[in-house]
PDB file of N, CA and C in Angstrom:
ATOM      1  N   MET A   1     -35.169 -36.051  -8.081  1.00  0.00           N
ATOM      2  CA  MET A   1     -34.409 -34.992  -7.471  1.00  0.00           C
ATOM      3  C   MET A   1     -34.098 -33.870  -8.446  1.00  0.00           C
ATOM      4  N   SER A   2     -34.333 -34.065  -9.718  1.00  0.00           N
ATOM      5  CA  SER A   2     -34.016 -33.033 -10.695  1.00  0.00           C
ATOM      6  C   SER A   2     -35.115 -31.998 -10.820  1.00  0.00           C
ATOM      7  N   GLY A   3     -36.106 -32.026  -9.940  1.00  0.00           N
ATOM      8  CA  GLY A   3     -37.210 -31.080  -9.982  1.00  0.00           C
ATOM      9  C   GLY A   3     -36.773 -29.701  -9.507  1.00  0.00           C
ATOM     10  N   VAL A   4     -37.664 -28.747  -9.620  1.00  0.00           N
ATOM     11  CA  VAL A   4     -37.374 -27.380  -9.230  1.00  0.00           C
ATOM     12  C   VAL A   4     -37.281 -27.266  -7.718  1.00  0.00           C
ATOM     13  N   GLN A   5     -38.113 -28.033  -7.000  1.00  0.00           N
ATOM     14  CA  GLN A   5     -38.095 -27.958  -5.544  1.00  0.00           C
ATOM     15  C   GLN A   5     -37.459 -29.211  -4.967  1.00  0.00           C
ATOM     16  N   VAL A   6     -36.523 -28.997  -4.054  1.00  0.00           N
ATOM     17  CA  VAL A   6     -35.897 -30.115  -3.367  1.00  0.00           C
ATOM     18  C   VAL A   6     -36.064 -29.857  -1.881  1.00  0.00           C
ATOM     19  N   GLU A   7     -36.919 -30.621  -1.249  1.00  0.00           N
ATOM     20  CA  GLU A   7     -37.179 -30.541   0.185  1.00  0.00           C
ATOM     21  C   GLU A   7     -37.425 -29.112   0.643  1.00  0.00           C
ATOM     22  N   GLY A   8     -38.321 -28.432  -0.010  1.00  0.00           N
ATOM     23  CA  GLY A   8     -38.690 -27.085   0.401  1.00  0.00           C
ATOM     24  C   GLY A   8     -37.682 -26.020  -0.031  1.00  0.00           C
ATOM     25  N   TYR A   9     -36.766 -26.375  -0.909  1.00  0.00           N
ATOM     26  CA  TYR A   9     -35.734 -25.448  -1.358  1.00  0.00           C
ATOM     27  C   TYR A   9     -36.004 -25.100  -2.810  1.00  0.00           C
ATOM     28  N   ASN A  10     -36.185 -23.847  -3.116  1.00  0.00           N
ATOM     29  CA  ASN A  10     -36.491 -23.415  -4.473  1.00  0.00           C
ATOM     30  C   ASN A  10     -35.190 -22.969  -5.148  1.00  0.00           C
ATOM     31  N   ARG A  11     -34.853 -23.566  -6.272  1.00  0.00           N
ATOM     32  CA  ARG A  11     -33.599 -23.261  -6.956  1.00  0.00           C
ATOM     33  C   ARG A  11     -33.711 -22.064  -7.894  1.00  0.00           C
ATOM     34  N   ALA A  12     -34.902 -21.660  -8.244  1.00  0.00           N
ATOM     35  CA  ALA A  12     -35.085 -20.606  -9.242  1.00  0.00           C
ATOM     36  C   ALA A  12     -34.392 -19.298  -8.860  1.00  0.00           C
ATOM     37  N   PRO A  13     -34.525 -18.791  -7.628  1.00  0.00           N
ATOM     38  CA  PRO A  13     -33.847 -17.528  -7.309  1.00  0.00           C
ATOM     39  C   PRO A  13     -32.326 -17.637  -7.415  1.00  0.00           C
ATOM     40  N   LEU A  14     -31.749 -18.775  -7.016  1.00  0.00           N
ATOM     41  CA  LEU A  14     -30.292 -18.944  -7.125  1.00  0.00           C
ATOM     42  C   LEU A  14     -29.858 -18.946  -8.586  1.00  0.00           C
ATOM     43  N   PHE A  15     -30.666 -19.548  -9.429  1.00  0.00           N
ATOM     44  CA  PHE A  15     -30.343 -19.571 -10.845  1.00  0.00           C
ATOM     45  C   PHE A  15     -30.312 -18.155 -11.406  1.00  0.00           C
ATOM     46  N   ARG A  16     -31.279 -17.327 -10.991  1.00  0.00           N
ATOM     47  CA  ARG A  16     -31.296 -15.932 -11.440  1.00  0.00           C
ATOM     48  C   ARG A  16     -30.094 -15.164 -10.919  1.00  0.00           C
ATOM     49  N   ILE A  17     -29.699 -15.448  -9.705  1.00  0.00           N
ATOM     50  CA  ILE A  17     -28.527 -14.765  -9.137  1.00  0.00           C
ATOM     51  C   ILE A  17     -27.284 -15.123  -9.935  1.00  0.00           C
ATOM     52  N   ARG A  18     -27.155 -16.407 -10.293  1.00  0.00           N
ATOM     53  CA  ARG A  18     -25.982 -16.822 -11.064  1.00  0.00           C
ATOM     54  C   ARG A  18     -25.955 -16.146 -12.423  1.00  0.00           C
ATOM     55  N   ILE A  19     -27.124 -16.031 -13.062  1.00  0.00           N
ATOM     56  CA  ILE A  19     -27.171 -15.346 -14.355  1.00  0.00           C
ATOM     57  C   ILE A  19     -26.809 -13.878 -14.164  1.00  0.00           C
ATOM     58  N   GLY A  20     -27.338 -13.279 -13.100  1.00  0.00           N
ATOM     59  CA  GLY A  20     -27.000 -11.892 -12.815  1.00  0.00           C
ATOM     60  C   GLY A  20     -25.513 -11.725 -12.578  1.00  0.00           C
ATOM     61  N   ALA A  21     -24.911 -12.647 -11.844  1.00  0.00           N
ATOM     62  CA  ALA A  21     -23.477 -12.576 -11.587  1.00  0.00           C
ATOM     63  C   ALA A  21     -22.703 -12.751 -12.889  1.00  0.00           C
ATOM     64  N   LEU A  22     -23.197 -13.625 -13.741  1.00  0.00           N
ATOM     65  CA  LEU A  22     -22.543 -13.834 -15.024  1.00  0.00           C
ATOM     66  C   LEU A  22     -22.611 -12.573 -15.876  1.00  0.00           C
ATOM     67  N   MET A  23     -23.750 -11.918 -15.862  1.00  0.00           N
ATOM     68  CA  MET A  23     -23.891 -10.677 -16.634  1.00  0.00           C
ATOM     69  C   MET A  23     -22.975  -9.594 -16.071  1.00  0.00           C
ATOM     70  N   ASN A  24     -22.871  -9.530 -14.747  1.00  0.00           N
ATOM     71  CA  ASN A  24     -21.978  -8.553 -14.144  1.00  0.00           C
ATOM     72  C   ASN A  24     -20.527  -8.840 -14.520  1.00  0.00           C
ATOM     73  N   ARG A  25     -20.171 -10.121 -14.570  1.00  0.00           N
ATOM     74  CA  ARG A  25     -18.815 -10.511 -14.947  1.00  0.00           C
ATOM     75  C   ARG A  25     -18.535 -10.103 -16.397  1.00  0.00           C
ATOM     76  N   LYS A  26     -19.510 -10.367 -17.283  1.00  0.00           N
ATOM     77  CA  LYS A  26     -19.354  -9.973 -18.692  1.00  0.00           C
ATOM     78  C   LYS A  26     -19.220  -8.460 -18.805  1.00  0.00           C
ATOM     79  N   LYS A  27     -20.046  -7.757 -18.061  1.00  0.00           N
ATOM     80  CA  LYS A  27     -20.012  -6.295 -18.092  1.00  0.00           C
ATOM     81  C   LYS A  27     -18.643  -5.787 -17.642  1.00  0.00           C
ATOM     82  N   LYS A  28     -18.109  -6.372 -16.572  1.00  0.00           N
ATOM     83  CA  LYS A  28     -16.812  -5.954 -16.044  1.00  0.00           C
ATOM     84  C   LYS A  28     -15.703  -6.248 -17.053  1.00  0.00           C
ATOM     85  N   ILE A  29     -15.751  -7.401 -17.695  1.00  0.00           N
ATOM     86  CA  ILE A  29     -14.748  -7.750 -18.701  1.00  0.00           C
ATOM     87  C   ILE A  29     -14.817  -6.774 -19.864  1.00  0.00           C
ATOM     88  N   ASN A  30     -16.032  -6.490 -20.340  1.00  0.00           N
ATOM     89  CA  ASN A  30     -16.190  -5.534 -21.443  1.00  0.00           C
ATOM     90  C   ASN A  30     -15.714  -4.147 -21.044  1.00  0.00           C
ATOM     91  N   GLN A  31     -16.003  -3.737 -19.805  1.00  0.00           N
ATOM     92  CA  GLN A  31     -15.540  -2.439 -19.314  1.00  0.00           C
ATOM     93  C   GLN A  31     -14.024  -2.370 -19.332  1.00  0.00           C
ATOM     94  N   THR A  32     -13.380  -3.427 -18.855  1.00  0.00           N
ATOM     95  CA  THR A  32     -11.919  -3.468 -18.798  1.00  0.00           C
ATOM     96  C   THR A  32     -11.320  -3.401 -20.197  1.00  0.00           C
ATOM     97  N   LEU A  33     -11.884  -4.185 -21.120  1.00  0.00           N
ATOM     98  CA  LEU A  33     -11.365  -4.186 -22.488  1.00  0.00           C
ATOM     99  C   LEU A  33     -11.558  -2.831 -23.160  1.00  0.00           C
ATOM    100  N   LYS A  34     -12.714  -2.216 -22.942  1.00  0.00           N
ATOM    101  CA  LYS A  34     -12.971  -0.901 -23.533  1.00  0.00           C
ATOM    102  C   LYS A  34     -12.019   0.145 -22.982  1.00  0.00           C
ATOM    103  N   SER A  35     -11.765   0.089 -21.666  1.00  0.00           N
ATOM    104  CA  SER A  35     -10.879   1.090 -21.071  1.00  0.00           C
ATOM    105  C   SER A  35      -9.445   0.910 -21.564  1.00  0.00           C
ATOM    106  N   LYS A  36      -9.008  -0.334 -21.742  1.00  0.00           N
ATOM    107  CA  LYS A  36      -7.659  -0.567 -22.271  1.00  0.00           C
ATOM    108  C   LYS A  36      -7.540  -0.074 -23.699  1.00  0.00           C
ATOM    109  N   ALA A  37      -8.574  -0.327 -24.507  1.00  0.00           N
ATOM    110  CA  ALA A  37      -8.566   0.141 -25.891  1.00  0.00           C
ATOM    111  C   ALA A  37      -8.567   1.664 -25.941  1.00  0.00           C
ATOM    112  N   LYS A  38      -9.312   2.282 -25.051  1.00  0.00           N
ATOM    113  CA  LYS A  38      -9.382   3.741 -24.995  1.00  0.00           C
ATOM    114  C   LYS A  38      -8.020   4.338 -24.635  1.00  0.00           C
ATOM    115  N   LYS A  39      -7.338   3.734 -23.667  1.00  0.00           N
ATOM    116  CA  LYS A  39      -6.010   4.214 -23.260  1.00  0.00           C
ATOM    117  C   LYS A  39      -4.995   4.033 -24.379  1.00  0.00           C
ATOM    118  N   ALA A  40      -5.056   2.903 -25.077  1.00  0.00           N
ATOM    119  CA  ALA A  40      -4.131   2.657 -26.181  1.00  0.00           C
ATOM    120  C   ALA A  40      -4.362   3.665 -27.300  1.00  0.00           C
ATOM    121  N   ASN A  41      -5.609   3.985 -27.576  1.00  0.00           N
ATOM    122  CA  ASN A  41      -5.951   4.959 -28.606  1.00  0.00           C
ATOM    123  C   ASN A  41      -5.488   6.349 -28.198  1.00  0.00           C
ATOM    124  N   ALA A  42      -5.601   6.664 -26.922  1.00  0.00           N
ATOM    125  CA  ALA A  42      -5.179   7.978 -26.432  1.00  0.00           C
ATOM    126  C   ALA A  42      -3.669   8.154 -26.567  1.00  0.00           C
ATOM    127  N   LYS A  43      -2.911   7.071 -26.389  1.00  0.00           N
ATOM    128  CA  LYS A  43      -1.448   7.154 -26.529  1.00  0.00           C
ATOM    129  C   LYS A  43      -1.048   7.447 -27.965  1.00  0.00           C
ATOM    130  N   LEU A  44      -1.850   7.006 -28.908  1.00  0.00           N
ATOM    131  CA  LEU A  44      -1.522   7.212 -30.325  1.00  0.00           C
ATOM    132  C   LEU A  44      -1.784   8.650 -30.778  1.00  0.00           C
ATOM    133  N   GLN A  45      -2.653   9.359 -30.068  1.00  0.00           N
ATOM    134  CA  GLN A  45      -2.990  10.724 -30.461  1.00  0.00           C
ATOM    135  C   GLN A  45      -1.844  11.663 -30.115  1.00  0.00           C
ATOM    136  N   SER A  46      -1.582  12.616 -31.001  1.00  0.00           N
ATOM    137  CA  SER A  46      -0.532  13.591 -30.723  1.00  0.00           C
ATOM    138  C   SER A  46      -1.134  14.775 -29.979  1.00  0.00           C
ATOM    139  N   SER A  47      -0.300  15.453 -29.223  1.00  0.00           N
ATOM    140  CA  SER A  47      -0.769  16.558 -28.414  1.00  0.00           C
ATOM    141  C   SER A  47      -0.156  17.860 -28.916  1.00  0.00           C
ATOM    142  N   ASN A  48      -0.928  18.937 -28.854  1.00  0.00           N
ATOM    143  CA  ASN A  48      -0.419  20.250 -29.239  1.00  0.00           C
ATOM    144  C   ASN A  48       0.284  20.935 -28.071  1.00  0.00           C
ATOM    145  N   LYS A  49       0.234  20.303 -26.927  1.00  0.00           N
ATOM    146  CA  LYS A  49       0.802  20.876 -25.726  1.00  0.00           C
ATOM    147  C   LYS A  49       2.331  20.821 -25.804  1.00  0.00           C
ATOM    148  N   PRO A  50       3.019  21.927 -25.504  1.00  0.00           N
ATOM    149  CA  PRO A  50       4.488  21.899 -25.561  1.00  0.00           C
ATOM    150  C   PRO A  50       5.066  21.019 -24.454  1.00  0.00           C
ATOM    151  N   LYS A  51       6.232  20.466 -24.721  1.00  0.00           N
ATOM    152  CA  LYS A  51       6.878  19.592 -23.755  1.00  0.00           C
ATOM    153  C   LYS A  51       7.302  20.405 -22.536  1.00  0.00           C
ATOM    154  N   TYR A  52       7.154  19.825 -21.348  1.00  0.00           N
ATOM    155  CA  TYR A  52       7.489  20.521 -20.111  1.00  0.00           C
ATOM    156  C   TYR A  52       9.002  20.644 -19.970  1.00  0.00           C
ATOM    157  N   ILE A  53       9.460  21.831 -19.600  1.00  0.00           N
ATOM    158  CA  ILE A  53      10.874  22.071 -19.338  1.00  0.00           C
ATOM    159  C   ILE A  53      10.982  22.495 -17.877  1.00  0.00           C
ATOM    160  N   ALA A  54      11.846  21.838 -17.133  1.00  0.00           N
ATOM    161  CA  ALA A  54      11.992  22.110 -15.709  1.00  0.00           C
ATOM    162  C   ALA A  54      12.454  23.549 -15.485  1.00  0.00           C
ATOM    163  N   LYS A  55      12.143  24.066 -14.313  1.00  0.00           N
ATOM    164  CA  LYS A  55      12.466  25.457 -13.992  1.00  0.00           C
ATOM    165  C   LYS A  55      13.969  25.705 -14.066  1.00  0.00           C
ATOM    166  N   ALA A  56      14.774  24.792 -13.551  1.00  0.00           N
ATOM    167  CA  ALA A  56      16.232  24.949 -13.577  1.00  0.00           C
ATOM    168  C   ALA A  56      16.738  24.980 -15.023  1.00  0.00           C
ATOM    169  N   ASP A  57      16.163  24.133 -15.869  1.00  0.00           N
ATOM    170  CA  ASP A  57      16.572  24.122 -17.281  1.00  0.00           C
ATOM    171  C   ASP A  57      16.171  25.420 -17.978  1.00  0.00           C
ATOM    172  N   ARG A  58      14.977  25.934 -17.641  1.00  0.00           N
ATOM    173  CA  ARG A  58      14.549  27.207 -18.242  1.00  0.00           C
ATOM    174  C   ARG A  58      15.482  28.336 -17.841  1.00  0.00           C
ATOM    175  N   GLU A  59      15.887  28.352 -16.571  1.00  0.00           N
ATOM    176  CA  GLU A  59      16.809  29.395 -16.099  1.00  0.00           C
ATOM    177  C   GLU A  59      18.150  29.275 -16.801  1.00  0.00           C
ATOM    178  N   ALA A  60      18.640  28.053 -16.995  1.00  0.00           N
ATOM    179  CA  ALA A  60      19.925  27.842 -17.675  1.00  0.00           C
ATOM    180  C   ALA A  60      19.831  28.299 -19.131  1.00  0.00           C
ATOM    181  N   LEU A  61      18.718  27.986 -19.789  1.00  0.00           N
ATOM    182  CA  LEU A  61      18.537  28.412 -21.174  1.00  0.00           C
ATOM    183  C   LEU A  61      18.450  29.931 -21.277  1.00  0.00           C
ATOM    184  N   ALA A  62      17.768  30.553 -20.314  1.00  0.00           N
ATOM    185  CA  ALA A  62      17.644  32.010 -20.321  1.00  0.00           C
ATOM    186  C   ALA A  62      19.006  32.662 -20.098  1.00  0.00           C
ATOM    187  N   ALA A  63      19.802  32.106 -19.174  1.00  0.00           N
ATOM    188  CA  ALA A  63      21.137  32.651 -18.905  1.00  0.00           C
ATOM    189  C   ALA A  63      22.023  32.494 -20.134  1.00  0.00           C
ATOM    190  N   GLU A  64      21.908  31.378 -20.799  1.00  0.00           N
ATOM    191  CA  GLU A  64      22.706  31.127 -22.006  1.00  0.00           C
ATOM    192  C   GLU A  64      22.300  32.094 -23.119  1.00  0.00           C
ATOM    193  N   ALA A  65      21.010  32.315 -23.264  1.00  0.00           N
ATOM    194  CA  ALA A  65      20.526  33.241 -24.293  1.00  0.00           C
ATOM    195  C   ALA A  65      20.972  34.667 -23.979  1.00  0.00           C
ATOM    196  N   ASP A  66      20.952  35.045 -22.704  1.00  0.00           N
ATOM    197  CA  ASP A  66      21.405  36.380 -22.310  1.00  0.00           C
ATOM    198  C   ASP A  66      22.885  36.567 -22.612  1.00  0.00           C
ATOM    199  N   SER A  67      23.691  35.549 -22.315  1.00  0.00           N
ATOM    200  CA  SER A  67      25.129  35.669 -22.566  1.00  0.00           C
ATOM    201  C   SER A  67      25.403  35.746 -24.071  1.00  0.00           C
ATOM    202  N   GLU A  68      24.645  35.008 -24.874  1.00  0.00           N
ATOM    203  CA  GLU A  68      24.822  35.068 -26.329  1.00  0.00           C
ATOM    204  C   GLU A  68      24.422  36.442 -26.872  1.00  0.00           C
ATOM    205  N   SER A  69      23.296  36.973 -26.384  1.00  0.00           N
ATOM    206  CA  SER A  69      22.854  38.282 -26.869  1.00  0.00           C
ATOM    207  C   SER A  69      23.822  39.365 -26.412  1.00  0.00           C
ATOM    208  N   HIS A  70      24.398  39.206 -25.243  1.00  0.00           N
ATOM    209  CA  HIS A  70      25.382  40.164 -24.740  1.00  0.00           C
ATOM    210  C   HIS A  70      26.647  40.113 -25.611  1.00  0.00           C
ATOM    211  N   ALA A  71      27.068  38.880 -25.976  1.00  0.00           N
ATOM    212  CA  ALA A  71      28.254  38.726 -26.818  1.00  0.00           C
ATOM    213  C   ALA A  71      28.013  39.329 -28.193  1.00  0.00           C
ATOM    214  N   VAL A  72      26.839  39.172 -28.744  1.00  0.00           N
ATOM    215  CA  VAL A  72      26.500  39.732 -30.055  1.00  0.00           C
ATOM    216  C   VAL A  72      26.496  41.253 -29.966  1.00  0.00           C
ATOM    217  N   ALA A  73      25.950  41.798 -28.877  1.00  0.00           N
ATOM    218  CA  ALA A  73      25.898  43.250 -28.701  1.00  0.00           C
ATOM    219  C   ALA A  73      27.304  43.818 -28.565  1.00  0.00           C
ATOM    220  N   VAL A  74      28.176  43.139 -27.840  1.00  0.00           N
ATOM    221  CA  VAL A  74      29.553  43.607 -27.673  1.00  0.00           C
ATOM    222  C   VAL A  74      30.275  43.570 -29.016  1.00  0.00           C
ATOM    223  N   ASN A  75      30.087  42.508 -29.787  1.00  0.00           N
ATOM    224  CA  ASN A  75      30.731  42.399 -31.098  1.00  0.00           C
ATOM    225  C   ASN A  75      30.246  43.498 -32.033  1.00  0.00           C
ATOM    226  N   SER A  76      28.976  43.793 -32.016  1.00  0.00           N
ATOM    227  CA  SER A  76      28.453  44.828 -32.899  1.00  0.00           C
ATOM    228  C   SER A  76      28.963  46.210 -32.496  1.00  0.00           C
ATOM    229  N   VAL A  77      29.124  46.442 -31.195  1.00  0.00           N
ATOM    230  CA  VAL A  77      29.643  47.716 -30.721  1.00  0.00           C
ATOM    231  C   VAL A  77      31.096  47.870 -31.154  1.00  0.00           C
ATOM    232  N   THR A  78      31.886  46.824 -31.023  1.00  0.00           N
ATOM    233  CA  THR A  78      33.306  46.911 -31.424  1.00  0.00           C
ATOM    234  C   THR A  78      33.414  47.086 -32.926  1.00  0.00           C
ATOM    235  N   LEU A  79      32.542  46.442 -33.701  1.00  0.00           N
ATOM    236  CA  LEU A  79      32.590  46.619 -35.144  1.00  0.00           C
ATOM    237  C   LEU A  79      32.205  48.053 -35.524  1.00  0.00           C
ATOM    238  N   ASP A  80      31.201  48.605 -34.844  1.00  0.00           N
ATOM    239  CA  ASP A  80      30.785  49.991 -35.124  1.00  0.00           C
ATOM    240  C   ASP A  80      31.886  50.976 -34.777  1.00  0.00           C
ATOM    241  N   SER A  81      32.578  50.749 -33.658  1.00  0.00           N
ATOM    242  CA  SER A  81      33.639  51.658 -33.262  1.00  0.00           C
ATOM    243  C   SER A  81      34.818  51.562 -34.211  1.00  0.00           C
ATOM    244  N   GLU A  82      35.136  50.382 -34.737  1.00  0.00           N
ATOM    245  CA  GLU A  82      36.219  50.213 -35.701  1.00  0.00           C
ATOM    246  C   GLU A  82      35.886  50.918 -37.023  1.00  0.00           C
ATOM    247  N   SER A  83      34.628  50.789 -37.442  1.00  0.00           N
ATOM    248  CA  SER A  83      34.250  51.426 -38.703  1.00  0.00           C
ATOM    249  C   SER A  83      34.212  52.947 -38.537  1.00  0.00           C
ATOM    250  N   ALA A  84      33.918  53.404 -37.335  1.00  0.00           N
ATOM    251  CA  ALA A  84      33.913  54.860 -37.094  1.00  0.00           C
ATOM    252  C   ALA A  84      35.330  55.417 -37.080  1.00  0.00           C
ATOM    253  N   GLU A  85      36.300  54.615 -36.634  1.00  0.00           N
ATOM    254  CA  GLU A  85      37.697  55.061 -36.599  1.00  0.00           C
ATOM    255  C   GLU A  85      38.289  55.165 -37.991  1.00  0.00           C
ATOM    256  N   SER A  86      37.851  54.342 -38.896  1.00  0.00           N
ATOM    257  CA  SER A  86      38.454  54.377 -40.221  1.00  0.00           C
ATOM    258  C   SER A  86      37.795  55.334 -41.155  1.00  0.00           C
TER     259      SER A  86
END
């Protein structure tokens, strides 16, 4: 019964299919490992891209900068007027 043919049934094509399935399994495992390694390597790389700031935060920062520049301008005007008086 250990022969290649058993009652008109040829085992050779099934054996090739199993090897093919095994190769596909190895390929899939290697693909998965490579993709995980690639993602881990990508996380280690630094980016030159600036960090995203939300629109509301940008507006708040702009308003704060405007109020500071306005306060500086008012202070400089009062200092100039005081020096002109003396």
